[in-house]
Amino acid sequence: MAGIASLAAQSQGTSLVVRNLGHRDYQPVWDAMRAFNRTRTPDTEDEIWLVEHSAVYTLGLNCKNDKVVGGGDVPIVKSDRGGQITYHGPGQIVVYVMIDLKRRGTGVKQLVQAMEQSVIDLLADYDVAASRKQDAPGVYIDGAKIAALGLRVRQGGSYHGIALNVAMDLAPFSRIDPCGYPGLPTTRLKDLGISLGVFEAGDRLVSHLVEILGYNGARFNQNQPETLAHA
């Protein structure tokens, strides 16, 4: 795809910071992303955060049906990302992408395609064919969704990102219309015979994403984001 192919050429030879946030509730991480975006300067390095969330339903800005059938005590959070309703929970890796798109000359559509392609490439490593759907962002295998994405861009900077189902309980998806599509089937790496830990899958996904986006490397930082400590 031409849009993706041009990303490496646009690279300024920069690296980015990758942080493993571990297992976290959704709200503090969302607050931290917004704070990071709000306080970043033209010199702030781009960052990727890996996190496994506690069970939560999140509603995107385009959500038309926020009904959760039998959701029990799982919290519902109205988020500022694009998209509609989805579920996060243990066994799913979420990759949050904080990139200065304006500085890199990258469009939102290019970033979406790059995130999707990183999942497609990861699955291809295991000889699993995956694809996109027009007007339905995410990654699919034989019609079943394995990765969902949603973004927000403010002041030229992106946040939110992509969620990949690794070995999670898929039952909570049956209580909603995933991403606004009634009856949309979901799948996970485990169902495909791919045995990876949550953060192992995240590391491999980030490796593909870094290459696609054209960074010259990723610098792993064991420290938690300052904005998360104050969120």
C-alpha atoms as a PDB file:
ATOM      1  CA  MET A   1       0.000   0.000   0.000  1.00  0.00           C
ATOM      2  CA  ALA A   2       1.541   3.281  -1.123  1.00  0.00           C
ATOM      3  CA  GLY A   3       0.564   5.203   2.002  1.00  0.00           C
ATOM      4  CA  ILE A   4       2.378   2.748   4.231  1.00  0.00           C
ATOM      5  CA  ALA A   5       5.363   2.401   1.926  1.00  0.00           C
ATOM      6  CA  SER A   6       5.960   6.140   2.067  1.00  0.00           C
ATOM      7  CA  LEU A   7       6.184   6.254   5.858  1.00  0.00           C
ATOM      8  CA  ALA A   8       9.751   4.969   6.028  1.00  0.00           C
ATOM      9  CA  ALA A   9      10.812   7.564   3.481  1.00  0.00           C
ATOM     10  CA  GLN A  10       9.266  10.274   5.648  1.00  0.00           C
ATOM     11  CA  SER A  11      11.211   9.140   8.717  1.00  0.00           C
ATOM     12  CA  GLN A  12      13.450  11.747  10.239  1.00  0.00           C
ATOM     13  CA  GLY A  13      15.786   9.037  11.499  1.00  0.00           C
ATOM     14  CA  THR A  14      14.283   9.312  14.942  1.00  0.00           C
ATOM     15  CA  SER A  15      13.751   6.647  17.549  1.00  0.00           C
ATOM     16  CA  LEU A  16      10.875   6.382  19.949  1.00  0.00           C
ATOM     17  CA  VAL A  17      10.319   5.330  23.539  1.00  0.00           C
ATOM     18  CA  VAL A  18       8.438   2.114  24.346  1.00  0.00           C
ATOM     19  CA  ARG A  19       7.055   1.568  27.847  1.00  0.00           C
ATOM     20  CA  ASN A  20       5.486  -1.520  29.409  1.00  0.00           C
ATOM     21  CA  LEU A  21       2.780  -0.329  31.807  1.00  0.00           C
ATOM     22  CA  GLY A  22       1.849  -3.809  32.990  1.00  0.00           C
ATOM     23  CA  HIS A  23      -1.716  -4.462  34.146  1.00  0.00           C
ATOM     24  CA  ARG A  24      -3.664  -1.231  34.648  1.00  0.00           C
ATOM     25  CA  ASP A  25      -7.195   0.080  34.944  1.00  0.00           C
ATOM     26  CA  TYR A  26      -8.356   2.006  31.890  1.00  0.00           C
ATOM     27  CA  GLN A  27      -9.149   5.422  33.376  1.00  0.00           C
ATOM     28  CA  PRO A  28      -5.692   6.294  34.786  1.00  0.00           C
ATOM     29  CA  VAL A  29      -3.997   5.328  31.521  1.00  0.00           C
ATOM     30  CA  TRP A  30      -6.467   7.348  29.481  1.00  0.00           C
ATOM     31  CA  ASP A  31      -5.884  10.342  31.758  1.00  0.00           C
ATOM     32  CA  ALA A  32      -2.127   9.891  31.351  1.00  0.00           C
ATOM     33  CA  MET A  33      -2.372   9.786  27.549  1.00  0.00           C
ATOM     34  CA  ARG A  34      -4.326  13.014  27.477  1.00  0.00           C
ATOM     35  CA  ALA A  35      -1.846  14.661  29.823  1.00  0.00           C
ATOM     36  CA  PHE A  36       1.068  13.463  27.679  1.00  0.00           C
ATOM     37  CA  ASN A  37      -0.550  14.900  24.562  1.00  0.00           C
ATOM     38  CA  ARG A  38      -1.441  18.154  26.285  1.00  0.00           C
ATOM     39  CA  THR A  39       2.025  18.804  27.719  1.00  0.00           C
ATOM     40  CA  ARG A  40       4.248  17.547  24.915  1.00  0.00           C
ATOM     41  CA  THR A  41       6.509  20.019  23.122  1.00  0.00           C
ATOM     42  CA  PRO A  42       8.041  19.970  19.619  1.00  0.00           C
ATOM     43  CA  ASP A  43      11.053  18.214  21.183  1.00  0.00           C
ATOM     44  CA  THR A  44       9.116  15.499  23.021  1.00  0.00           C
ATOM     45  CA  GLU A  45       9.980  12.012  21.823  1.00  0.00           C
ATOM     46  CA  ASP A  46       7.180   9.886  20.428  1.00  0.00           C
ATOM     47  CA  GLU A  47       6.107   7.034  22.687  1.00  0.00           C
ATOM     48  CA  ILE A  48       4.316   3.688  22.549  1.00  0.00           C
ATOM     49  CA  TRP A  49       2.738   2.228  25.688  1.00  0.00           C
ATOM     50  CA  LEU A  50       1.920  -1.444  26.141  1.00  0.00           C
ATOM     51  CA  VAL A  51      -0.775  -2.299  28.666  1.00  0.00           C
ATOM     52  CA  GLU A  52      -3.140  -5.071  29.685  1.00  0.00           C
ATOM     53  CA  HIS A  53      -6.345  -3.566  31.070  1.00  0.00           C
ATOM     54  CA  SER A  54      -8.707  -4.741  33.736  1.00  0.00           C
ATOM     55  CA  ALA A  55     -12.153  -5.578  32.348  1.00  0.00           C
ATOM     56  CA  VAL A  56     -13.856  -2.481  30.917  1.00  0.00           C
ATOM     57  CA  TYR A  57     -16.223  -1.443  28.139  1.00  0.00           C
ATOM     58  CA  THR A  58     -15.255   1.793  26.402  1.00  0.00           C
ATOM     59  CA  LEU A  59     -17.462   3.967  24.225  1.00  0.00           C
ATOM     60  CA  GLY A  60     -15.969   5.924  21.334  1.00  0.00           C
ATOM     61  CA  LEU A  61     -17.147   9.297  20.096  1.00  0.00           C
ATOM     62  CA  ASN A  62     -19.120   7.658  17.276  1.00  0.00           C
ATOM     63  CA  CYS A  63     -20.969   5.224  19.537  1.00  0.00           C
ATOM     64  CA  LYS A  64     -24.641   4.908  18.585  1.00  0.00           C
ATOM     65  CA  ASN A  65     -25.518   1.888  20.713  1.00  0.00           C
ATOM     66  CA  ASP A  66     -24.050   1.776  24.206  1.00  0.00           C
ATOM     67  CA  LYS A  67     -26.200  -1.147  25.327  1.00  0.00           C
ATOM     68  CA  VAL A  68     -24.401  -3.837  27.314  1.00  0.00           C
ATOM     69  CA  VAL A  69     -26.481  -6.976  27.902  1.00  0.00           C
ATOM     70  CA  GLY A  70     -25.671  -8.638  31.203  1.00  0.00           C
ATOM     71  CA  GLY A  71     -22.422  -6.774  31.660  1.00  0.00           C
ATOM     72  CA  GLY A  72     -22.558  -7.206  35.418  1.00  0.00           C
ATOM     73  CA  ASP A  73     -20.163  -5.007  37.323  1.00  0.00           C
ATOM     74  CA  VAL A  74     -17.821  -4.354  34.385  1.00  0.00           C
ATOM     75  CA  PRO A  75     -17.369  -0.562  34.226  1.00  0.00           C
ATOM     76  CA  ILE A  76     -18.372   1.447  31.163  1.00  0.00           C
ATOM     77  CA  VAL A  77     -16.221   4.457  30.266  1.00  0.00           C
ATOM     78  CA  LYS A  78     -17.100   7.156  27.736  1.00  0.00           C
ATOM     79  CA  SER A  79     -13.803   7.750  25.962  1.00  0.00           C
ATOM     80  CA  ASP A  80     -12.639  10.425  23.524  1.00  0.00           C
ATOM     81  CA  ARG A  81     -11.270   7.995  20.948  1.00  0.00           C
ATOM     82  CA  GLY A  82     -12.785   7.417  17.547  1.00  0.00           C
ATOM     83  CA  GLY A  83     -15.016   4.430  16.922  1.00  0.00           C
ATOM     84  CA  GLN A  84     -17.859   2.902  18.885  1.00  0.00           C
ATOM     85  CA  ILE A  85     -18.112   0.373  21.724  1.00  0.00           C
ATOM     86  CA  THR A  86     -15.483  -2.243  22.512  1.00  0.00           C
ATOM     87  CA  TYR A  87     -14.199  -4.355  25.376  1.00  0.00           C
ATOM     88  CA  HIS A  88     -10.771  -4.534  26.990  1.00  0.00           C
ATOM     89  CA  GLY A  89      -9.717  -7.144  29.499  1.00  0.00           C
ATOM     90  CA  PRO A  90      -7.029  -9.540  30.712  1.00  0.00           C
ATOM     91  CA  GLY A  91      -5.483 -11.549  27.899  1.00  0.00           C
ATOM     92  CA  GLN A  92      -5.576  -8.640  25.448  1.00  0.00           C
ATOM     93  CA  ILE A  93      -2.612  -6.404  24.629  1.00  0.00           C
ATOM     94  CA  VAL A  94      -3.347  -2.738  23.997  1.00  0.00           C
ATOM     95  CA  VAL A  95      -0.767  -0.647  22.164  1.00  0.00           C
ATOM     96  CA  TYR A  96      -1.156   3.092  22.673  1.00  0.00           C
ATOM     97  CA  VAL A  97       0.565   5.262  20.074  1.00  0.00           C
ATOM     98  CA  MET A  98       1.590   8.816  20.983  1.00  0.00           C
ATOM     99  CA  ILE A  99       3.102  10.247  17.820  1.00  0.00           C
ATOM    100  CA  ASP A 100       3.640  13.831  16.680  1.00  0.00           C
ATOM    101  CA  LEU A 101       2.005  13.330  13.293  1.00  0.00           C
ATOM    102  CA  LYS A 102       2.580  16.909  12.243  1.00  0.00           C
ATOM    103  CA  ARG A 103       6.316  16.663  12.914  1.00  0.00           C
ATOM    104  CA  ARG A 104       6.612  13.397  10.991  1.00  0.00           C
ATOM    105  CA  GLY A 105       4.360  14.447   8.126  1.00  0.00           C
ATOM    106  CA  THR A 106       2.150  11.419   8.705  1.00  0.00           C
ATOM    107  CA  GLY A 107      -1.593  11.430   8.069  1.00  0.00           C
ATOM    108  CA  VAL A 108      -4.172   9.816  10.315  1.00  0.00           C
ATOM    109  CA  LYS A 109      -5.163   7.366   7.588  1.00  0.00           C
ATOM    110  CA  GLN A 110      -1.524   6.352   7.164  1.00  0.00           C
ATOM    111  CA  LEU A 111      -1.203   5.703  10.893  1.00  0.00           C
ATOM    112  CA  VAL A 112      -4.375   3.606  10.932  1.00  0.00           C
ATOM    113  CA  GLN A 113      -3.094   1.565   7.990  1.00  0.00           C
ATOM    114  CA  ALA A 114       0.282   1.126   9.683  1.00  0.00           C
ATOM    115  CA  MET A 115      -1.294  -0.182  12.890  1.00  0.00           C
ATOM    116  CA  GLU A 116      -3.471  -2.596  10.947  1.00  0.00           C
ATOM    117  CA  GLN A 117      -0.492  -3.730   8.881  1.00  0.00           C
ATOM    118  CA  SER A 118       1.560  -4.427  12.008  1.00  0.00           C
ATOM    119  CA  VAL A 119      -1.069  -6.953  13.118  1.00  0.00           C
ATOM    120  CA  ILE A 120      -1.318  -8.440   9.623  1.00  0.00           C
ATOM    121  CA  ASP A 121       2.481  -8.836   9.528  1.00  0.00           C
ATOM    122  CA  LEU A 122       2.560 -10.401  12.999  1.00  0.00           C
ATOM    123  CA  LEU A 123      -0.019 -12.970  11.953  1.00  0.00           C
ATOM    124  CA  ALA A 124       1.853 -13.623   8.715  1.00  0.00           C
ATOM    125  CA  ASP A 125       4.845 -14.650  10.831  1.00  0.00           C
ATOM    126  CA  TYR A 126       2.687 -17.625  11.841  1.00  0.00           C
ATOM    127  CA  ASP A 127       1.310 -18.245   8.337  1.00  0.00           C
ATOM    128  CA  VAL A 128      -2.089 -16.797   9.237  1.00  0.00           C
ATOM    129  CA  ALA A 129      -3.726 -14.660   6.550  1.00  0.00           C
ATOM    130  CA  ALA A 130      -5.504 -11.572   7.869  1.00  0.00           C
ATOM    131  CA  SER A 131      -7.064  -8.556   6.197  1.00  0.00           C
ATOM    132  CA  ARG A 132      -8.678  -5.157   6.602  1.00  0.00           C
ATOM    133  CA  LYS A 133     -12.279  -4.214   5.902  1.00  0.00           C
ATOM    134  CA  GLN A 134     -13.248  -1.056   4.100  1.00  0.00           C
ATOM    135  CA  ASP A 135     -15.027   1.390   6.418  1.00  0.00           C
ATOM    136  CA  ALA A 136     -14.546  -0.979   9.382  1.00  0.00           C
ATOM    137  CA  PRO A 137     -11.116  -0.292  10.915  1.00  0.00           C
ATOM    138  CA  GLY A 138      -9.393  -3.275  12.470  1.00  0.00           C
ATOM    139  CA  VAL A 139      -7.978  -6.630  11.442  1.00  0.00           C
ATOM    140  CA  TYR A 140     -10.048  -9.685  10.519  1.00  0.00           C
ATOM    141  CA  ILE A 141      -9.525 -13.395   9.940  1.00  0.00           C
ATOM    142  CA  ASP A 142     -12.262 -15.056   7.894  1.00  0.00           C
ATOM    143  CA  GLY A 143     -14.657 -12.316   9.012  1.00  0.00           C
ATOM    144  CA  ALA A 144     -13.818 -12.563  12.720  1.00  0.00           C
ATOM    145  CA  LYS A 145     -12.207  -9.538  14.332  1.00  0.00           C
ATOM    146  CA  ILE A 146      -8.917 -10.081  16.125  1.00  0.00           C
ATOM    147  CA  ALA A 147      -7.799  -6.465  16.542  1.00  0.00           C
ATOM    148  CA  ALA A 148      -9.718  -3.237  17.086  1.00  0.00           C
ATOM    149  CA  LEU A 149      -8.419   0.294  16.873  1.00  0.00           C
ATOM    150  CA  GLY A 150      -9.417   3.813  17.720  1.00  0.00           C
ATOM    151  CA  LEU A 151      -7.478   7.071  17.638  1.00  0.00           C
ATOM    152  CA  ARG A 152      -7.710  10.658  18.740  1.00  0.00           C
ATOM    153  CA  VAL A 153      -5.580  13.444  17.313  1.00  0.00           C
ATOM    154  CA  ARG A 154      -5.200  16.764  19.108  1.00  0.00           C
ATOM    155  CA  GLN A 155      -2.729  19.516  18.270  1.00  0.00           C
ATOM    156  CA  GLY A 156      -1.133  17.223  15.703  1.00  0.00           C
ATOM    157  CA  GLY A 157      -0.450  14.441  18.197  1.00  0.00           C
ATOM    158  CA  SER A 158      -2.082  11.012  18.292  1.00  0.00           C
ATOM    159  CA  TYR A 159      -3.134   8.926  21.256  1.00  0.00           C
ATOM    160  CA  HIS A 160      -5.175   5.765  21.872  1.00  0.00           C
ATOM    161  CA  GLY A 161      -4.228   2.900  19.539  1.00  0.00           C
ATOM    162  CA  ILE A 162      -4.871  -0.760  18.779  1.00  0.00           C
ATOM    163  CA  ALA A 163      -6.000  -3.755  20.847  1.00  0.00           C
ATOM    164  CA  LEU A 164      -5.039  -7.319  19.904  1.00  0.00           C
ATOM    165  CA  ASN A 165      -6.868 -10.324  21.332  1.00  0.00           C
ATOM    166  CA  VAL A 166      -4.220 -12.746  22.571  1.00  0.00           C
ATOM    167  CA  ALA A 167      -5.792 -15.258  24.960  1.00  0.00           C
ATOM    168  CA  MET A 168      -8.659 -13.311  26.504  1.00  0.00           C
ATOM    169  CA  ASP A 169     -12.167 -14.445  27.381  1.00  0.00           C
ATOM    170  CA  LEU A 170     -14.210 -13.428  24.331  1.00  0.00           C
ATOM    171  CA  ALA A 171     -17.605 -13.808  26.029  1.00  0.00           C
ATOM    172  CA  PRO A 172     -17.872 -10.095  26.978  1.00  0.00           C
ATOM    173  CA  PHE A 173     -17.944  -9.205  23.267  1.00  0.00           C
ATOM    174  CA  SER A 174     -21.217 -11.136  22.921  1.00  0.00           C
ATOM    175  CA  ARG A 175     -22.878  -8.632  25.272  1.00  0.00           C
ATOM    176  CA  ILE A 176     -22.297  -5.706  22.907  1.00  0.00           C
ATOM    177  CA  ASP A 177     -22.281  -4.847  19.207  1.00  0.00           C
ATOM    178  CA  PRO A 178     -18.481  -4.857  18.813  1.00  0.00           C
ATOM    179  CA  CYS A 179     -17.386  -1.652  17.108  1.00  0.00           C
ATOM    180  CA  GLY A 180     -21.045  -1.034  16.229  1.00  0.00           C
ATOM    181  CA  TYR A 181     -21.593  -4.252  14.249  1.00  0.00           C
ATOM    182  CA  PRO A 182     -24.332  -6.550  15.648  1.00  0.00           C
ATOM    183  CA  GLY A 183     -23.244 -10.165  15.852  1.00  0.00           C
ATOM    184  CA  LEU A 184     -19.675  -9.473  14.771  1.00  0.00           C
ATOM    185  CA  PRO A 185     -17.613 -12.586  15.600  1.00  0.00           C
ATOM    186  CA  THR A 186     -14.303 -12.168  17.386  1.00  0.00           C
ATOM    187  CA  THR A 187     -11.246 -14.368  17.610  1.00  0.00           C
ATOM    188  CA  ARG A 188      -7.862 -14.457  19.347  1.00  0.00           C
ATOM    189  CA  LEU A 189      -4.323 -15.685  18.805  1.00  0.00           C
ATOM    190  CA  LYS A 190      -4.982 -18.661  21.076  1.00  0.00           C
ATOM    191  CA  ASP A 191      -7.758 -19.889  18.757  1.00  0.00           C
ATOM    192  CA  LEU A 192      -5.290 -19.813  15.871  1.00  0.00           C
ATOM    193  CA  GLY A 193      -2.800 -22.028  17.673  1.00  0.00           C
ATOM    194  CA  ILE A 194      -0.472 -19.096  18.396  1.00  0.00           C
ATOM    195  CA  SER A 195       0.817 -19.405  21.961  1.00  0.00           C
ATOM    196  CA  LEU A 196       2.223 -16.052  23.039  1.00  0.00           C
ATOM    197  CA  GLY A 197       2.131 -14.232  26.326  1.00  0.00           C
ATOM    198  CA  VAL A 198       0.259 -10.938  26.325  1.00  0.00           C
ATOM    199  CA  PHE A 199       3.342  -8.742  26.463  1.00  0.00           C
ATOM    200  CA  GLU A 200       5.343 -11.074  24.236  1.00  0.00           C
ATOM    201  CA  ALA A 201       2.691 -10.488  21.577  1.00  0.00           C
ATOM    202  CA  GLY A 202       2.896  -6.775  22.295  1.00  0.00           C
ATOM    203  CA  ASP A 203       6.659  -6.693  21.826  1.00  0.00           C
ATOM    204  CA  ARG A 204       6.390  -8.478  18.484  1.00  0.00           C
ATOM    205  CA  LEU A 205       3.598  -6.187  17.360  1.00  0.00           C
ATOM    206  CA  VAL A 206       5.608  -3.096  18.268  1.00  0.00           C
ATOM    207  CA  SER A 207       8.622  -4.452  16.383  1.00  0.00           C
ATOM    208  CA  HIS A 208       6.559  -4.585  13.203  1.00  0.00           C
ATOM    209  CA  LEU A 209       4.980  -1.186  13.859  1.00  0.00           C
ATOM    210  CA  VAL A 210       8.332   0.516  14.439  1.00  0.00           C
ATOM    211  CA  GLU A 211       9.609  -0.842  11.131  1.00  0.00           C
ATOM    212  CA  ILE A 212       6.486   0.190   9.220  1.00  0.00           C
ATOM    213  CA  LEU A 213       6.506   3.702  10.658  1.00  0.00           C
ATOM    214  CA  GLY A 214      10.143   4.139   9.660  1.00  0.00           C
ATOM    215  CA  TYR A 215      11.747   4.785  13.038  1.00  0.00           C
ATOM    216  CA  ASN A 216      15.396   3.820  13.289  1.00  0.00           C
ATOM    217  CA  GLY A 217      14.772   1.916  16.493  1.00  0.00           C
ATOM    218  CA  ALA A 218      12.868   1.683  19.734  1.00  0.00           C
ATOM    219  CA  ARG A 219      14.294   2.555  23.140  1.00  0.00           C
ATOM    220  CA  PHE A 220      12.650   0.566  25.901  1.00  0.00           C
ATOM    221  CA  ASN A 221      12.184   2.564  29.092  1.00  0.00           C
ATOM    222  CA  GLN A 222      11.356   0.665  32.267  1.00  0.00           C
ATOM    223  CA  ASN A 223      10.103   3.804  34.027  1.00  0.00           C
ATOM    224  CA  GLN A 224       6.408   4.563  34.111  1.00  0.00           C
ATOM    225  CA  PRO A 225       5.272   7.732  32.293  1.00  0.00           C
ATOM    226  CA  GLU A 226       5.406  10.837  34.464  1.00  0.00           C
ATOM    227  CA  THR A 227       1.860  11.684  33.437  1.00  0.00           C
ATOM    228  CA  LEU A 228       0.657   8.283  34.693  1.00  0.00           C
ATOM    229  CA  ALA A 229       2.182   8.890  38.096  1.00  0.00           C
ATOM    230  CA  HIS A 230       0.205  12.132  38.333  1.00  0.00           C
ATOM    231  CA  ALA A 231      -2.980  10.966  36.585  1.00  0.00           C
END
